[in-house]
Amino acid sequence: MIGVVHGLAGSPRLAAGRVDDRSRSGALLYLGVFGVGTILGMTLLTVAMATPLAAATRSLGGVHRTMARVTGVISICVGLVVAYESA
Protein backbone atom coordinates (compact mmCIF):
# COMPACT_ATOMS: atom_id res chain seq x y z
CA MET A 1 0.00 0.00 0.00
CA ILE A 2 2.88 2.38 0.68
CA GLY A 3 4.09 2.00 -2.90
CA VAL A 4 0.62 2.63 -4.27
CA VAL A 5 0.23 5.79 -2.19
CA HIS A 6 3.66 7.09 -3.25
CA GLY A 7 2.91 6.32 -6.87
CA LEU A 8 -0.44 8.09 -6.74
CA ALA A 9 1.04 11.11 -4.98
CA GLY A 10 3.90 11.64 -7.40
CA SER A 11 2.36 10.94 -10.80
CA PRO A 12 0.21 14.00 -11.52
CA ARG A 13 2.80 16.52 -10.37
CA LEU A 14 5.64 14.98 -12.38
CA ALA A 15 3.59 14.52 -15.53
CA ALA A 16 1.78 17.88 -15.47
CA GLY A 17 4.28 19.41 -17.88
CA ARG A 18 3.41 16.84 -20.56
CA VAL A 19 -0.25 17.85 -20.92
CA ASP A 20 -0.74 19.62 -24.22
CA ASP A 21 -3.99 21.24 -25.41
CA ARG A 22 -3.34 20.14 -29.01
CA SER A 23 -3.60 16.45 -28.18
CA ARG A 24 -5.76 15.86 -25.13
CA SER A 25 -6.24 12.16 -25.81
CA GLY A 26 -2.48 11.69 -26.15
CA ALA A 27 -1.90 13.64 -22.94
CA LEU A 28 -4.48 11.56 -21.08
CA LEU A 29 -2.94 8.36 -22.42
CA TYR A 30 0.50 9.56 -21.32
CA LEU A 31 -0.78 10.44 -17.82
CA GLY A 32 -2.50 7.06 -17.53
CA VAL A 33 0.55 5.05 -18.60
CA PHE A 34 2.86 7.22 -16.49
CA GLY A 35 0.60 6.89 -13.44
CA VAL A 36 0.22 3.11 -13.69
CA GLY A 37 3.95 2.70 -14.27
CA THR A 38 4.78 4.86 -11.28
CA ILE A 39 2.34 3.00 -9.04
CA LEU A 40 3.71 -0.39 -10.11
CA GLY A 41 7.33 0.73 -9.79
CA MET A 42 6.87 2.14 -6.31
CA THR A 43 4.91 -0.93 -5.24
CA LEU A 44 7.63 -3.30 -6.47
CA LEU A 45 10.34 -1.21 -4.82
CA THR A 46 8.45 -1.24 -1.52
CA VAL A 47 7.99 -5.02 -1.68
CA ALA A 48 11.69 -5.49 -2.50
CA MET A 49 12.72 -3.42 0.52
CA ALA A 50 10.08 -4.79 2.90
CA THR A 51 10.67 -8.50 2.28
CA PRO A 52 14.08 -8.74 4.00
CA LEU A 53 12.87 -6.46 6.78
CA ALA A 54 9.85 -8.66 7.41
CA ALA A 55 12.11 -11.72 7.66
CA ALA A 56 14.35 -9.89 10.12
CA THR A 57 11.42 -8.89 12.34
CA ARG A 58 10.42 -12.51 12.79
CA SER A 59 13.83 -13.35 14.23
CA LEU A 60 14.48 -10.16 16.21
CA GLY A 61 11.09 -9.57 17.92
CA GLY A 62 11.76 -6.98 20.66
CA VAL A 63 14.35 -5.11 18.62
CA HIS A 64 11.71 -4.65 15.94
CA ARG A 65 9.28 -2.96 18.33
CA THR A 66 11.99 -0.61 19.60
CA MET A 67 13.13 0.26 16.08
CA ALA A 68 9.54 0.85 14.98
CA ARG A 69 9.00 3.30 17.80
CA VAL A 70 12.30 5.10 17.23
CA THR A 71 11.79 5.45 13.49
CA GLY A 72 8.20 6.56 14.07
CA VAL A 73 9.31 9.34 16.40
CA ILE A 74 12.07 10.39 13.99
CA SER A 75 9.59 10.44 11.09
CA ILE A 76 7.16 12.61 13.02
CA CYS A 77 9.97 15.01 13.98
CA VAL A 78 11.17 15.29 10.39
CA GLY A 79 7.58 15.87 9.24
CA LEU A 80 7.10 18.63 11.79
CA VAL A 81 10.37 20.32 10.73
CA VAL A 82 9.37 20.18 7.06
CA ALA A 83 5.90 21.54 7.85
CA TYR A 84 7.38 24.35 9.96
CA GLU A 85 9.89 25.31 7.26
CA SER A 86 7.20 25.21 4.58
CA ALA A 87 4.85 27.51 6.50
C-alpha atoms as a PDB file:
ATOM      1  CA  MET A   1       0.000   0.000   0.000  1.00  0.00           C
ATOM      2  CA  ILE A   2       2.884   2.381   0.681  1.00  0.00           C
ATOM      3  CA  GLY A   3       4.095   1.998  -2.904  1.00  0.00           C
ATOM      4  CA  VAL A   4       0.616   2.628  -4.272  1.00  0.00           C
ATOM      5  CA  VAL A   5       0.235   5.795  -2.191  1.00  0.00           C
ATOM      6  CA  HIS A   6       3.656   7.094  -3.246  1.00  0.00           C
ATOM      7  CA  GLY A   7       2.906   6.319  -6.873  1.00  0.00           C
ATOM      8  CA  LEU A   8      -0.435   8.093  -6.738  1.00  0.00           C
ATOM      9  CA  ALA A   9       1.041  11.108  -4.977  1.00  0.00           C
ATOM     10  CA  GLY A  10       3.902  11.643  -7.399  1.00  0.00           C
ATOM     11  CA  SER A  11       2.356  10.940 -10.801  1.00  0.00           C
ATOM     12  CA  PRO A  12       0.208  13.999 -11.523  1.00  0.00           C
ATOM     13  CA  ARG A  13       2.798  16.525 -10.369  1.00  0.00           C
ATOM     14  CA  LEU A  14       5.638  14.982 -12.379  1.00  0.00           C
ATOM     15  CA  ALA A  15       3.588  14.525 -15.527  1.00  0.00           C
ATOM     16  CA  ALA A  16       1.783  17.885 -15.474  1.00  0.00           C
ATOM     17  CA  GLY A  17       4.278  19.410 -17.882  1.00  0.00           C
ATOM     18  CA  ARG A  18       3.409  16.843 -20.559  1.00  0.00           C
ATOM     19  CA  VAL A  19      -0.249  17.855 -20.915  1.00  0.00           C
ATOM     20  CA  ASP A  20      -0.745  19.624 -24.216  1.00  0.00           C
ATOM     21  CA  ASP A  21      -3.985  21.237 -25.411  1.00  0.00           C
ATOM     22  CA  ARG A  22      -3.341  20.137 -29.010  1.00  0.00           C
ATOM     23  CA  SER A  23      -3.600  16.445 -28.179  1.00  0.00           C
ATOM     24  CA  ARG A  24      -5.762  15.865 -25.133  1.00  0.00           C
ATOM     25  CA  SER A  25      -6.235  12.161 -25.813  1.00  0.00           C
ATOM     26  CA  GLY A  26      -2.476  11.691 -26.147  1.00  0.00           C
ATOM     27  CA  ALA A  27      -1.898  13.642 -22.939  1.00  0.00           C
ATOM     28  CA  LEU A  28      -4.480  11.559 -21.079  1.00  0.00           C
ATOM     29  CA  LEU A  29      -2.939   8.360 -22.416  1.00  0.00           C
ATOM     30  CA  TYR A  30       0.501   9.564 -21.315  1.00  0.00           C
ATOM     31  CA  LEU A  31      -0.778  10.437 -17.822  1.00  0.00           C
ATOM     32  CA  GLY A  32      -2.496   7.062 -17.529  1.00  0.00           C
ATOM     33  CA  VAL A  33       0.554   5.054 -18.596  1.00  0.00           C
ATOM     34  CA  PHE A  34       2.863   7.217 -16.493  1.00  0.00           C
ATOM     35  CA  GLY A  35       0.602   6.890 -13.443  1.00  0.00           C
ATOM     36  CA  VAL A  36       0.220   3.115 -13.693  1.00  0.00           C
ATOM     37  CA  GLY A  37       3.953   2.701 -14.270  1.00  0.00           C
ATOM     38  CA  THR A  38       4.782   4.859 -11.276  1.00  0.00           C
ATOM     39  CA  ILE A  39       2.345   3.000  -9.039  1.00  0.00           C
ATOM     40  CA  LEU A  40       3.712  -0.390 -10.114  1.00  0.00           C
ATOM     41  CA  GLY A  41       7.328   0.727  -9.795  1.00  0.00           C
ATOM     42  CA  MET A  42       6.867   2.143  -6.310  1.00  0.00           C
ATOM     43  CA  THR A  43       4.911  -0.930  -5.243  1.00  0.00           C
ATOM     44  CA  LEU A  44       7.626  -3.297  -6.467  1.00  0.00           C
ATOM     45  CA  LEU A  45      10.344  -1.214  -4.816  1.00  0.00           C
ATOM     46  CA  THR A  46       8.446  -1.237  -1.524  1.00  0.00           C
ATOM     47  CA  VAL A  47       7.991  -5.020  -1.682  1.00  0.00           C
ATOM     48  CA  ALA A  48      11.692  -5.493  -2.499  1.00  0.00           C
ATOM     49  CA  MET A  49      12.716  -3.417   0.516  1.00  0.00           C
ATOM     50  CA  ALA A  50      10.079  -4.789   2.898  1.00  0.00           C
ATOM     51  CA  THR A  51      10.667  -8.497   2.283  1.00  0.00           C
ATOM     52  CA  PRO A  52      14.077  -8.740   3.997  1.00  0.00           C
ATOM     53  CA  LEU A  53      12.872  -6.456   6.784  1.00  0.00           C
ATOM     54  CA  ALA A  54       9.853  -8.660   7.414  1.00  0.00           C
ATOM     55  CA  ALA A  55      12.110 -11.716   7.657  1.00  0.00           C
ATOM     56  CA  ALA A  56      14.353  -9.887  10.120  1.00  0.00           C
ATOM     57  CA  THR A  57      11.422  -8.891  12.343  1.00  0.00           C
ATOM     58  CA  ARG A  58      10.423 -12.507  12.794  1.00  0.00           C
ATOM     59  CA  SER A  59      13.826 -13.353  14.226  1.00  0.00           C
ATOM     60  CA  LEU A  60      14.479 -10.157  16.208  1.00  0.00           C
ATOM     61  CA  GLY A  61      11.093  -9.574  17.922  1.00  0.00           C
ATOM     62  CA  GLY A  62      11.761  -6.979  20.659  1.00  0.00           C
ATOM     63  CA  VAL A  63      14.349  -5.109  18.616  1.00  0.00           C
ATOM     64  CA  HIS A  64      11.708  -4.652  15.937  1.00  0.00           C
ATOM     65  CA  ARG A  65       9.283  -2.961  18.330  1.00  0.00           C
ATOM     66  CA  THR A  66      11.987  -0.615  19.604  1.00  0.00           C
ATOM     67  CA  MET A  67      13.133   0.256  16.075  1.00  0.00           C
ATOM     68  CA  ALA A  68       9.542   0.846  14.983  1.00  0.00           C
ATOM     69  CA  ARG A  69       8.998   3.297  17.804  1.00  0.00           C
ATOM     70  CA  VAL A  70      12.300   5.100  17.230  1.00  0.00           C
ATOM     71  CA  THR A  71      11.789   5.452  13.492  1.00  0.00           C
ATOM     72  CA  GLY A  72       8.195   6.558  14.072  1.00  0.00           C
ATOM     73  CA  VAL A  73       9.307   9.341  16.401  1.00  0.00           C
ATOM     74  CA  ILE A  74      12.067  10.393  13.991  1.00  0.00           C
ATOM     75  CA  SER A  75       9.594  10.438  11.091  1.00  0.00           C
ATOM     76  CA  ILE A  76       7.162  12.608  13.020  1.00  0.00           C
ATOM     77  CA  CYS A  77       9.973  15.012  13.983  1.00  0.00           C
ATOM     78  CA  VAL A  78      11.172  15.286  10.390  1.00  0.00           C
ATOM     79  CA  GLY A  79       7.581  15.874   9.237  1.00  0.00           C
ATOM     80  CA  LEU A  80       7.105  18.632  11.790  1.00  0.00           C
ATOM     81  CA  VAL A  81      10.370  20.322  10.731  1.00  0.00           C
ATOM     82  CA  VAL A  82       9.367  20.176   7.061  1.00  0.00           C
ATOM     83  CA  ALA A  83       5.897  21.545   7.854  1.00  0.00           C
ATOM     84  CA  TYR A  84       7.382  24.347   9.957  1.00  0.00           C
ATOM     85  CA  GLU A  85       9.894  25.315   7.260  1.00  0.00           C
ATOM     86  CA  SER A  86       7.199  25.207   4.577  1.00  0.00           C
ATOM     87  CA  ALA A  87       4.854  27.509   6.496  1.00  0.00           C
END
